[in-house]
Amino acid sequence: MTDSPEHHRQRSEFIRGMVQRTECALAGRSLREQPPKTIIQFWHDLQNLPPDVEECIASWARWQEVGFKHVLFDEFTARSYIRTSLGRRYEQAFDRCYHPAMQADYFRLCYLSVEGGFYVDADDVCIGSHIDWLFEDTRLKVHPLCYDIATASMVSTASFLTAETFTPNWIFYFNNNPLIAARRHPVIQLALQRSTEALENSIDGALPEIQATTGPGILSRTIFELGVTSGTIEREVVVLRDWDLFAISKWPLSYRNDRRNWRHSNQKAI
């Protein structure tokens, strides 16, 4: 399928159906192991970790006290992991990620494809008191988002979960944060393949758009296209409709005001 405006419209409608559907499909049988109880995070330069981001990370590291594993990668250790686990092709694709947010996007696909686990961004804060439910079955767990073209702003989760409040100006998609997956989950594997090819096909010197190449765009496109071809995507994917009760993205943070914020550096050299 081409990534055309019509494709984007169909994708949004398909995802809206998944998000606003009330009945729950049974888990698929293609994956037989649950995600490992590992929390994975990334910050590109741990030697210069902002104190406010460190506080966010600490809210996830605390789960080690009750038996969960917490691993924190930087650019160097992520590259080493990709080279060792997936090989030179994927390392070269990682090297084409020109911004730390893009590195984080691509790395999470690499790691989850090989190991599985629970990836969450370093600027999220855990406010929940129970975490085991995230690892209970083998389906990929994703958080839905909705953008209103008319107001150029995000729609609150509570507002878009039911069809009664829908307007044609809304665009539905899936965030790539958090991602909870068993290893070798088909959605993660295909998203990694698509993202790798997109990075490889980018013209030398050109900086591809981050969201579409490694972020929510490539994930949403993958879920849509697998859903259209298989017809059973909801047996492999769970929509996290209540994620906001478990974690929040902290604002403001110091780095959001400079080039480390991908919104300021999308398709720009950093």
Protein backbone atom coordinates (compact mmCIF):
# COMPACT_ATOMS: atom_id res chain seq x y z
CA MET A 1 0.00 0.00 0.00
CA THR A 2 1.21 3.50 -0.78
CA ASP A 3 1.42 6.07 1.99
CA SER A 4 -1.14 8.35 0.34
CA PRO A 5 -3.75 10.72 1.88
CA GLU A 6 -6.38 8.05 1.23
CA HIS A 7 -4.19 5.50 2.98
CA HIS A 8 -3.92 7.85 5.97
CA ARG A 9 -7.70 8.26 6.07
CA GLN A 10 -8.29 4.52 5.91
CA ARG A 11 -5.67 3.96 8.58
CA SER A 12 -7.32 6.47 10.92
CA GLU A 13 -10.74 4.91 10.41
CA PHE A 14 -9.40 1.42 11.03
CA ILE A 15 -7.68 2.48 14.24
CA ARG A 16 -10.79 4.39 15.36
CA GLY A 17 -12.72 1.16 15.03
CA MET A 18 -10.21 -0.64 17.23
CA VAL A 19 -10.20 2.13 19.83
CA GLN A 20 -13.96 2.65 20.05
CA ARG A 21 -14.97 -1.01 19.88
CA THR A 22 -16.33 -2.22 23.20
CA GLU A 23 -16.14 -6.00 22.80
CA CYS A 24 -12.78 -7.66 23.44
CA ALA A 25 -11.25 -10.29 21.17
CA LEU A 26 -9.56 -13.34 22.61
CA ALA A 27 -5.78 -13.46 22.60
CA GLY A 28 -4.20 -15.16 19.62
CA ARG A 29 -2.37 -18.44 19.91
CA SER A 30 0.60 -17.60 17.70
CA LEU A 31 2.66 -16.37 20.64
CA ARG A 32 3.10 -18.74 23.56
CA GLU A 33 5.14 -16.75 26.02
CA GLN A 34 4.31 -13.61 27.94
CA PRO A 35 6.53 -10.53 27.82
CA PRO A 36 9.47 -10.77 30.23
CA LYS A 37 9.11 -8.55 33.29
CA THR A 38 11.71 -6.10 32.02
CA ILE A 39 11.26 -2.32 31.84
CA ILE A 40 13.40 -0.80 29.09
CA GLN A 41 14.26 2.90 28.76
CA PHE A 42 16.63 5.06 26.70
CA TRP A 43 18.38 8.37 27.15
CA HIS A 44 21.00 9.18 24.54
CA ASP A 45 23.62 10.70 26.88
CA LEU A 46 23.62 9.28 30.39
CA GLN A 47 26.69 11.33 31.27
CA ASN A 48 24.49 14.41 30.96
CA LEU A 49 21.17 13.08 32.21
CA PRO A 50 18.95 16.02 33.23
CA PRO A 51 17.93 15.79 36.90
CA ASP A 52 14.24 16.15 36.07
CA VAL A 53 14.43 13.28 33.56
CA GLU A 54 16.33 11.22 36.13
CA GLU A 55 13.40 11.68 38.50
CA CYS A 56 11.05 10.35 35.85
CA ILE A 57 13.24 7.30 35.28
CA ALA A 58 13.38 6.64 39.03
CA SER A 59 9.61 6.20 39.06
CA TRP A 60 10.13 3.11 36.85
CA ALA A 61 13.38 1.86 38.38
CA ARG A 62 11.57 1.48 41.72
CA TRP A 63 9.79 -1.61 40.37
CA GLN A 64 13.07 -3.48 40.80
CA GLU A 65 12.19 -3.63 44.49
CA VAL A 66 9.37 -6.08 43.72
CA GLY A 67 11.19 -8.29 41.24
CA PHE A 68 11.05 -6.45 37.93
CA LYS A 69 14.17 -5.82 35.88
CA HIS A 70 14.94 -2.24 34.81
CA VAL A 71 17.47 -1.53 32.05
CA LEU A 72 18.53 1.91 30.86
CA PHE A 73 20.38 2.34 27.55
CA ASP A 74 22.22 5.25 26.00
CA GLU A 75 23.35 5.79 22.43
CA PHE A 76 26.55 3.77 22.90
CA THR A 77 25.01 0.76 24.66
CA ALA A 78 22.00 0.76 22.32
CA ARG A 79 24.27 0.65 19.28
CA SER A 80 26.31 -2.15 20.83
CA TYR A 81 23.15 -4.12 21.62
CA ILE A 82 21.83 -3.73 18.08
CA ARG A 83 25.15 -4.77 16.53
CA THR A 84 25.44 -7.85 18.74
CA SER A 85 21.80 -8.95 18.59
CA LEU A 86 20.77 -8.04 15.04
CA GLY A 87 23.91 -7.34 13.04
CA ARG A 88 25.56 -4.67 10.96
CA ARG A 89 22.54 -3.85 8.79
CA TYR A 90 20.50 -2.73 11.79
CA GLU A 91 23.44 -0.91 13.34
CA GLN A 92 23.83 1.09 10.13
CA ALA A 93 20.11 1.90 10.19
CA PHE A 94 20.47 3.08 13.79
CA ASP A 95 23.36 5.31 12.70
CA ARG A 96 20.99 7.00 10.24
CA CYS A 97 18.78 8.10 13.14
CA TYR A 98 19.85 11.74 13.34
CA HIS A 99 18.03 12.71 16.54
CA PRO A 100 17.96 11.11 20.03
CA ALA A 101 14.18 10.64 19.81
CA MET A 102 14.64 8.79 16.53
CA GLN A 103 17.34 6.62 18.09
CA ALA A 104 14.95 5.79 20.93
CA ASP A 105 12.17 4.97 18.46
CA TYR A 106 14.32 2.59 16.45
CA PHE A 107 16.06 1.02 19.42
CA ARG A 108 12.78 0.03 21.09
CA LEU A 109 11.74 -1.87 17.98
CA CYS A 110 15.11 -3.63 17.88
CA TYR A 111 15.11 -4.59 21.55
CA LEU A 112 11.48 -5.70 21.74
CA SER A 113 11.82 -7.74 18.58
CA VAL A 114 14.67 -9.74 20.12
CA GLU A 115 13.86 -9.76 23.84
CA GLY A 116 10.32 -8.56 24.40
CA GLY A 117 9.41 -6.56 27.48
CA PHE A 118 7.95 -3.18 28.41
CA TYR A 119 9.42 -0.09 26.77
CA VAL A 120 8.47 3.31 28.20
CA ASP A 121 9.91 6.75 27.42
CA ALA A 122 12.32 8.35 29.88
CA ASP A 123 10.10 11.41 30.33
CA ASP A 124 7.07 9.46 31.51
CA VAL A 125 6.25 9.22 35.20
CA CYS A 126 4.68 6.10 36.68
CA ILE A 127 1.75 6.98 38.93
CA GLY A 128 0.22 3.49 39.12
CA SER A 129 0.40 1.14 42.07
CA HIS A 130 0.11 -2.17 40.16
CA ILE A 131 2.17 -3.19 37.14
CA ASP A 132 1.66 -6.95 36.73
CA TRP A 133 -1.42 -6.47 34.54
CA LEU A 134 0.78 -5.17 31.72
CA PHE A 135 2.44 -8.57 31.37
CA GLU A 136 -0.61 -10.80 31.68
CA ASP A 137 -0.98 -12.06 28.10
CA THR A 138 0.99 -12.30 24.88
CA ARG A 139 -0.67 -9.51 22.92
CA LEU A 140 1.06 -6.26 22.01
CA LYS A 141 -0.25 -3.42 24.18
CA VAL A 142 -0.44 0.06 22.65
CA HIS A 143 -1.76 3.46 23.67
CA PRO A 144 -4.21 5.26 21.32
CA LEU A 145 -3.92 8.92 20.42
CA CYS A 146 -6.17 11.34 18.55
CA TYR A 147 -5.31 14.65 16.89
CA ASP A 148 -7.83 17.32 15.94
CA ILE A 149 -6.87 19.03 12.67
CA ALA A 150 -9.34 21.86 13.21
CA THR A 151 -7.82 22.98 16.50
CA ALA A 152 -4.26 21.72 15.84
CA SER A 153 -4.28 20.01 19.21
CA MET A 154 -4.49 16.59 20.81
CA VAL A 155 -7.88 15.27 21.90
CA SER A 156 -8.15 14.04 25.48
CA THR A 157 -8.37 10.27 25.77
CA ALA A 158 -11.71 10.37 27.59
CA SER A 159 -13.20 12.34 24.69
CA PHE A 160 -12.37 9.93 21.85
CA LEU A 161 -13.02 6.51 23.40
CA THR A 162 -16.67 6.45 22.30
CA ALA A 163 -18.11 7.02 18.83
CA GLU A 164 -20.63 9.60 20.03
CA THR A 165 -18.03 12.36 20.16
CA PHE A 166 -16.37 11.69 16.79
CA THR A 167 -15.80 14.46 14.23
CA PRO A 168 -14.24 14.07 10.73
CA ASN A 169 -11.40 16.37 11.79
CA TRP A 170 -9.97 13.75 14.14
CA ILE A 171 -7.02 11.57 13.19
CA PHE A 172 -6.59 8.36 15.15
CA TYR A 173 -3.24 6.63 15.56
CA PHE A 174 -1.24 4.55 18.01
CA ASN A 175 1.60 5.91 20.06
CA ASN A 176 4.84 3.94 20.18
CA ASN A 177 5.03 4.70 23.90
CA PRO A 178 4.49 2.54 25.81
CA LEU A 179 5.03 -0.74 24.00
CA ILE A 180 4.58 -4.03 25.83
CA ALA A 181 5.35 -7.06 23.70
CA ALA A 182 6.44 -10.66 23.76
CA ARG A 183 9.63 -11.29 21.84
CA ARG A 184 9.25 -11.70 18.08
CA HIS A 185 5.76 -10.24 18.10
CA PRO A 186 4.67 -9.99 14.43
CA VAL A 187 3.70 -6.31 14.66
CA ILE A 188 7.05 -5.33 16.19
CA GLN A 189 9.00 -7.44 13.73
CA LEU A 190 7.23 -5.96 10.71
CA ALA A 191 7.48 -2.41 12.08
CA LEU A 192 11.21 -2.94 12.56
CA GLN A 193 11.54 -4.22 9.01
CA ARG A 194 9.60 -1.26 7.60
CA SER A 195 11.53 1.25 9.69
CA THR A 196 14.87 -0.26 8.68
CA GLU A 197 13.95 -0.11 5.00
CA ALA A 198 12.76 3.49 5.33
CA LEU A 199 16.07 4.50 6.91
CA GLU A 200 18.02 2.62 4.26
CA ASN A 201 16.03 4.22 1.45
CA SER A 202 16.49 7.76 2.73
CA ILE A 203 18.70 9.74 0.39
CA ASP A 204 22.16 10.42 1.77
CA GLY A 205 22.13 13.85 3.35
CA ALA A 206 18.32 13.95 3.63
CA LEU A 207 16.70 13.77 7.04
CA PRO A 208 13.51 11.69 7.00
CA GLU A 209 10.47 12.69 9.03
CA ILE A 210 10.80 11.11 12.47
CA GLN A 211 7.24 10.01 13.26
CA ALA A 212 6.64 8.40 9.88
CA THR A 213 10.02 6.67 9.70
CA THR A 214 10.59 5.28 13.18
CA GLY A 215 7.77 6.52 15.42
CA PRO A 216 3.99 6.29 15.81
CA GLY A 217 3.45 6.59 12.07
CA ILE A 218 5.33 3.41 11.19
CA LEU A 219 3.70 1.52 14.06
CA SER A 220 0.18 2.66 13.14
CA ARG A 221 0.75 1.84 9.49
CA THR A 222 2.00 -1.63 10.39
CA ILE A 223 -0.99 -2.41 12.63
CA PHE A 224 -3.39 -1.15 9.96
CA GLU A 225 -1.86 -3.12 7.10
CA LEU A 226 -1.58 -6.31 9.14
CA GLY A 227 -5.17 -5.82 10.24
CA VAL A 228 -6.40 -5.43 6.67
CA THR A 229 -4.51 -8.47 5.40
CA SER A 230 -5.07 -10.83 8.34
CA GLY A 231 -8.44 -9.73 9.69
CA THR A 232 -7.38 -10.89 13.15
CA ILE A 233 -5.23 -8.01 14.39
CA GLU A 234 -7.25 -7.64 17.59
CA ARG A 235 -6.20 -11.15 18.59
CA GLU A 236 -2.64 -9.82 18.65
CA VAL A 237 -3.10 -6.22 19.89
CA VAL A 238 -4.63 -4.73 23.05
CA VAL A 239 -5.62 -1.05 23.15
CA LEU A 240 -4.61 0.57 26.46
CA ARG A 241 -7.62 2.80 26.98
CA ASP A 242 -6.73 3.65 30.58
CA TRP A 243 -2.97 4.21 30.27
CA ASP A 244 -3.33 7.79 31.53
CA LEU A 245 -4.33 6.40 34.93
CA PHE A 246 -1.04 4.52 35.15
CA ALA A 247 1.51 6.96 33.71
CA ILE A 248 1.75 10.57 32.58
CA SER A 249 4.15 12.40 30.30
CA LYS A 250 5.75 15.05 32.49
CA TRP A 251 5.59 18.70 31.44
CA PRO A 252 7.54 20.85 31.61
CA LEU A 253 11.01 19.29 31.43
CA SER A 254 14.19 21.25 30.79
CA TYR A 255 15.17 19.46 27.60
CA ARG A 256 11.85 20.22 25.90
CA ASN A 257 13.01 23.80 25.29
CA ASP A 258 16.03 22.92 23.17
CA ARG A 259 17.08 20.77 20.22
CA ARG A 260 16.81 17.57 22.26
CA ASN A 261 13.04 17.95 21.82
CA TRP A 262 12.32 16.24 18.50
CA ARG A 263 9.51 18.69 17.76
CA HIS A 264 12.13 21.42 17.43
CA SER A 265 14.51 19.26 15.39
CA ASN A 266 12.33 17.18 13.09
CA GLN A 267 14.16 16.92 9.74
CA LYS A 268 16.90 19.19 11.07
CA ALA A 269 20.49 18.34 11.97
CA ILE A 270 21.19 18.36 15.70
